[in-house]
Amino acid sequence: MIASAPATGRLYGVGLGPGDPDLLTVKATKILGSAPVVAYFAKKGRRGQARAIVDRWLCPACLELPLLYPITTEKHFSDPVYVETLRAFYEDATQRIADHLSAGRDVALICEGDPLFYGSFMHLYVRLKDRFAVEVIPGVTGMSGCWSAAKVPITWGDDVLSVLPATLGGEDLAQRLGACDAAIIMKLGANLGKVRAAIREAGREGAAIYVEHGTQEAEKIIRLEDKTDDLAPYFSMILIPGQGRRP
């Protein structure tokens, strides 16, 4: 009798929401409470935001699999060294997860916000989806968490919402901001000064709201005009609400 091949594990891409541990979905908490392996991205020497969010939900018996970025902002994302370093990192992370899946162990790969919205999960997903079963658990996006924390209605009626990465060039940002009704500008970090200039050029600064660590203990929400410096953490964004049709 020929022995059947062992069943492979399932990969779960688990969205964790914007930062508040209470904003995980019920399904996400169920998976985290039962997954034998939980993988997460983090910067070298740090625990990582995703891992901190799941503290209360994680199964104590699970095997933790940290995936530590070899590089983050040390080089520009267009630098060939950055591209090659990250490609090698994602290939290695893919293999580490594949080893567990091939051995029959389910893996929950956790991701801040939603896994398919600017999520690092996507880089592993495209490498694994044709080899293993994958289920994606959606999460509350960071932008949704921020506009809810700020209590800002972001779109009305026929408003068109543009989501813009702050890594775009200043001229490109200004043109896009001038053409949209409402906007979310993400990935601020060291780009805040450039973004502020683009918002001014587009004539939108009076409506802009700066949100830092939205839904988290360190949350800060102020008008962009009231922010006197250009320092911003990665987990920050700018909201520009629309003013469209309403009764």
Protein backbone atom coordinates (compact mmCIF):
# COMPACT_ATOMS: atom_id res chain seq x y z
CA MET A 1 0.00 0.00 0.00
CA ILE A 2 1.36 3.40 -1.03
CA ALA A 3 1.30 5.93 1.78
CA SER A 4 -0.46 9.16 0.93
CA ALA A 5 1.51 12.38 1.06
CA PRO A 6 1.02 14.38 4.25
CA ALA A 7 -1.47 17.23 4.00
CA THR A 8 0.10 20.64 3.66
CA GLY A 9 -0.72 23.52 5.95
CA ARG A 10 -2.76 26.59 5.12
CA LEU A 11 -1.37 30.11 5.05
CA TYR A 12 -3.51 32.78 6.69
CA GLY A 13 -2.90 36.43 5.95
CA VAL A 14 -4.37 38.02 9.06
CA GLY A 15 -5.22 41.72 9.05
CA LEU A 16 -4.79 43.27 12.52
CA GLY A 17 -6.42 46.66 11.97
CA PRO A 18 -4.93 50.11 12.69
CA GLY A 19 -3.36 49.40 16.09
CA ASP A 20 -6.03 49.07 18.78
CA PRO A 21 -6.08 45.34 19.75
CA ASP A 22 -9.86 45.57 20.18
CA LEU A 23 -10.26 46.33 16.47
CA LEU A 24 -9.28 42.84 15.31
CA THR A 25 -12.12 40.88 13.73
CA VAL A 26 -13.61 37.90 15.54
CA LYS A 27 -12.27 35.64 12.80
CA ALA A 28 -8.76 37.03 13.21
CA THR A 29 -8.78 36.32 16.95
CA LYS A 30 -10.01 32.76 16.36
CA ILE A 31 -7.17 32.05 13.94
CA LEU A 32 -4.56 33.60 16.21
CA GLY A 33 -5.85 31.51 19.09
CA SER A 34 -5.38 28.24 17.20
CA ALA A 35 -2.57 28.70 14.64
CA PRO A 36 0.47 26.54 15.46
CA VAL A 37 2.82 29.05 13.78
CA VAL A 38 2.50 32.86 13.84
CA ALA A 39 4.84 34.83 11.58
CA TYR A 40 5.37 38.57 11.70
CA PHE A 41 7.57 41.24 10.13
CA ALA A 42 9.75 43.49 12.29
CA LYS A 43 12.80 45.68 12.07
CA LYS A 44 16.03 44.19 13.43
CA GLY A 45 16.33 44.81 17.15
CA ARG A 46 12.63 45.57 17.55
CA ARG A 47 9.59 43.52 18.41
CA GLY A 48 7.44 45.08 15.72
CA GLN A 49 4.05 46.76 15.77
CA ALA A 50 2.16 43.72 14.49
CA ARG A 51 3.52 41.46 17.22
CA ALA A 52 2.62 44.02 19.90
CA ILE A 53 -0.98 44.24 18.69
CA VAL A 54 -1.64 40.49 19.08
CA ASP A 55 -0.33 40.07 22.64
CA ARG A 56 -3.70 39.30 24.17
CA TRP A 57 -4.89 37.11 21.31
CA LEU A 58 -1.93 34.84 20.69
CA CYS A 59 -2.00 31.15 21.61
CA PRO A 60 0.73 30.65 24.26
CA ALA A 61 1.73 27.35 22.69
CA CYS A 62 2.30 28.69 19.19
CA LEU A 63 5.69 28.86 17.52
CA GLU A 64 6.64 32.44 16.73
CA LEU A 65 8.42 33.11 13.46
CA PRO A 66 9.91 36.65 13.32
CA LEU A 67 10.81 37.88 9.84
CA LEU A 68 13.36 40.64 10.40
CA TYR A 69 13.89 43.21 7.68
CA PRO A 70 17.59 43.52 6.78
CA ILE A 71 16.99 47.11 5.64
CA THR A 72 14.18 49.67 5.91
CA THR A 73 14.86 53.36 5.28
CA GLU A 74 18.66 53.24 5.18
CA LYS A 75 18.59 53.36 1.38
CA HIS A 76 16.08 54.79 -1.10
CA PHE A 77 13.57 52.27 -2.45
CA SER A 78 14.82 52.88 -6.01
CA ASP A 79 18.41 51.99 -5.09
CA PRO A 80 19.40 48.65 -6.73
CA VAL A 81 20.97 47.55 -3.44
CA TYR A 82 17.64 48.12 -1.64
CA VAL A 83 15.75 46.19 -4.31
CA GLU A 84 18.11 43.21 -4.30
CA THR A 85 18.37 43.11 -0.50
CA LEU A 86 14.59 43.09 -0.08
CA ARG A 87 14.11 40.53 -2.84
CA ALA A 88 16.53 38.14 -1.12
CA PHE A 89 14.82 38.76 2.21
CA TYR A 90 11.36 37.96 0.81
CA GLU A 91 12.67 34.82 -0.88
CA ASP A 92 14.18 33.62 2.40
CA ALA A 93 10.99 34.45 4.33
CA THR A 94 8.96 32.58 1.71
CA GLN A 95 11.09 29.48 2.15
CA ARG A 96 10.87 29.60 5.95
CA ILE A 97 7.08 29.71 5.81
CA ALA A 98 6.93 27.09 3.03
CA ASP A 99 8.92 24.69 5.23
CA HIS A 100 6.21 24.85 7.91
CA LEU A 101 3.37 24.57 5.38
CA SER A 102 5.02 21.57 3.70
CA ALA A 103 5.29 19.89 7.11
CA GLY A 104 1.52 20.26 7.56
CA ARG A 105 1.55 23.23 9.92
CA ASP A 106 -0.80 26.17 9.36
CA VAL A 107 0.90 29.57 9.45
CA ALA A 108 -0.77 32.85 10.40
CA LEU A 109 1.19 35.74 8.87
CA ILE A 110 0.02 38.87 10.65
CA CYS A 111 -0.11 42.31 9.09
CA GLU A 112 -1.06 45.76 10.36
CA GLY A 113 -4.17 47.16 8.71
CA ASP A 114 -5.39 45.01 5.82
CA PRO A 115 -3.06 42.37 4.32
CA LEU A 116 -3.78 43.39 0.71
CA PHE A 117 -3.48 47.16 1.19
CA TYR A 118 0.19 48.22 1.15
CA GLY A 119 0.92 45.10 3.22
CA SER A 120 4.24 43.22 3.31
CA PHE A 121 2.12 40.06 3.32
CA MET A 122 1.56 40.56 -0.41
CA HIS A 123 5.21 39.92 -1.24
CA LEU A 124 4.99 36.45 0.27
CA TYR A 125 1.46 35.81 -0.94
CA VAL A 126 2.42 36.10 -4.62
CA ARG A 127 5.26 33.65 -4.04
CA LEU A 128 3.18 31.05 -2.16
CA LYS A 129 -0.37 31.25 -3.54
CA ASP A 130 0.19 28.72 -6.34
CA ARG A 131 1.77 26.17 -4.02
CA PHE A 132 -0.38 26.24 -0.89
CA ALA A 133 -3.91 27.01 0.23
CA VAL A 134 -4.19 30.63 1.31
CA GLU A 135 -6.94 32.47 3.17
CA VAL A 136 -6.88 36.23 3.66
CA ILE A 137 -8.58 37.72 6.72
CA PRO A 138 -9.38 41.39 6.01
CA GLY A 139 -8.59 44.01 8.59
CA VAL A 140 -9.70 47.56 9.34
CA THR A 141 -7.37 49.77 7.28
CA GLY A 142 -5.12 52.30 8.97
CA MET A 143 -6.84 55.14 7.12
CA SER A 144 -10.27 54.01 8.32
CA GLY A 145 -8.98 53.84 11.88
CA CYS A 146 -7.49 57.33 11.57
CA TRP A 147 -10.55 59.09 10.17
CA SER A 148 -12.71 57.36 12.77
CA ALA A 149 -10.35 58.44 15.56
CA ALA A 150 -10.41 62.00 14.19
CA LYS A 151 -14.21 61.84 13.77
CA VAL A 152 -13.87 63.21 10.24
CA PRO A 153 -16.45 62.30 7.56
CA ILE A 154 -14.04 61.64 4.71
CA THR A 155 -16.33 61.41 1.66
CA TRP A 156 -19.79 62.79 0.89
CA GLY A 157 -22.12 62.01 -2.00
CA ASP A 158 -20.07 61.73 -5.19
CA ASP A 159 -16.69 62.61 -3.65
CA VAL A 160 -13.74 60.78 -5.18
CA LEU A 161 -11.16 59.59 -2.64
CA SER A 162 -7.48 59.38 -3.60
CA VAL A 163 -5.01 57.39 -1.51
CA LEU A 164 -1.53 58.78 -2.08
CA PRO A 165 1.83 57.47 -0.84
CA ALA A 166 4.03 60.27 0.48
CA THR A 167 6.93 58.72 -1.45
CA LEU A 168 5.62 60.30 -4.68
CA GLY A 169 7.41 63.36 -6.01
CA GLY A 170 6.23 66.74 -4.75
CA GLU A 171 4.95 67.92 -8.13
CA ASP A 172 3.05 64.67 -8.67
CA LEU A 173 1.49 64.94 -5.20
CA ALA A 174 0.39 68.53 -5.80
CA GLN A 175 -1.22 67.67 -9.14
CA ARG A 176 -3.11 64.70 -7.70
CA LEU A 177 -4.25 66.69 -4.66
CA GLY A 178 -5.54 69.43 -6.92
CA ALA A 179 -7.60 66.95 -8.92
CA CYS A 180 -9.29 64.95 -6.14
CA ASP A 181 -12.16 65.68 -3.75
CA ALA A 182 -10.80 63.86 -0.69
CA ALA A 183 -7.35 62.47 -0.02
CA ILE A 184 -5.40 60.22 2.32
CA ILE A 185 -1.63 60.63 2.32
CA MET A 186 0.19 57.64 3.81
CA LYS A 187 3.80 56.65 4.54
CA LEU A 188 4.76 60.08 5.85
CA GLY A 189 7.92 59.52 7.86
CA ALA A 190 10.70 61.72 6.47
CA ASN A 191 8.43 62.93 3.66
CA LEU A 192 6.28 65.31 5.72
CA GLY A 193 8.05 68.50 4.62
CA LYS A 194 7.64 67.61 0.94
CA VAL A 195 4.01 66.62 1.49
CA ARG A 196 3.23 69.86 3.34
CA ALA A 197 4.64 71.89 0.43
CA ALA A 198 2.56 69.90 -2.06
CA ILE A 199 -0.61 70.43 0.00
CA ARG A 200 0.06 74.17 0.11
CA GLU A 201 0.64 74.27 -3.64
CA ALA A 202 -2.69 72.51 -4.17
CA GLY A 203 -4.42 74.98 -1.84
CA ARG A 204 -5.59 72.25 0.56
CA GLU A 205 -3.66 72.98 3.79
CA GLY A 206 -6.63 74.53 5.59
CA ALA A 207 -8.55 71.25 5.38
CA ALA A 208 -5.64 68.90 6.17
CA ILE A 209 -5.59 66.90 9.41
CA TYR A 210 -2.48 65.18 10.74
CA VAL A 211 -2.98 61.85 12.58
CA GLU A 212 -0.17 60.03 14.34
CA HIS A 213 -0.56 56.50 15.77
CA GLY A 214 -4.32 56.56 15.15
CA THR A 215 -6.38 54.34 17.56
CA GLN A 216 -3.27 53.64 19.68
CA GLU A 217 -2.22 54.90 23.12
CA ALA A 218 0.20 57.41 21.55
CA GLU A 219 -2.51 58.83 19.28
CA LYS A 220 -2.12 62.46 18.22
CA ILE A 221 -4.61 64.36 16.05
CA ILE A 222 -4.11 68.01 15.05
CA ARG A 223 -4.68 70.33 12.12
CA LEU A 224 -1.68 70.21 9.80
CA GLU A 225 -1.41 74.00 10.08
CA ASP A 226 -0.89 73.60 13.84
CA LYS A 227 1.97 71.11 13.47
CA THR A 228 5.10 73.23 13.81
CA ASP A 229 7.70 70.68 12.70
CA ASP A 230 8.14 68.21 9.86
CA LEU A 231 8.84 65.18 12.07
CA ALA A 232 6.51 62.22 11.59
CA PRO A 233 6.69 58.51 12.43
CA TYR A 234 5.92 55.84 9.85
CA PHE A 235 2.52 55.24 11.45
CA SER A 236 1.10 58.64 10.59
CA MET A 237 -0.99 60.07 7.79
CA ILE A 238 -2.78 63.18 6.58
CA LEU A 239 -6.52 63.32 5.98
CA ILE A 240 -8.11 65.81 3.59
CA PRO A 241 -11.90 65.35 3.77
CA GLY A 242 -14.21 65.91 0.83
CA GLN A 243 -17.04 68.44 0.88
CA GLY A 244 -19.35 66.85 -1.71
CA ARG A 245 -23.07 66.45 -2.24
CA ARG A 246 -25.30 66.05 0.78
CA PRO A 247 -28.99 66.77 1.59
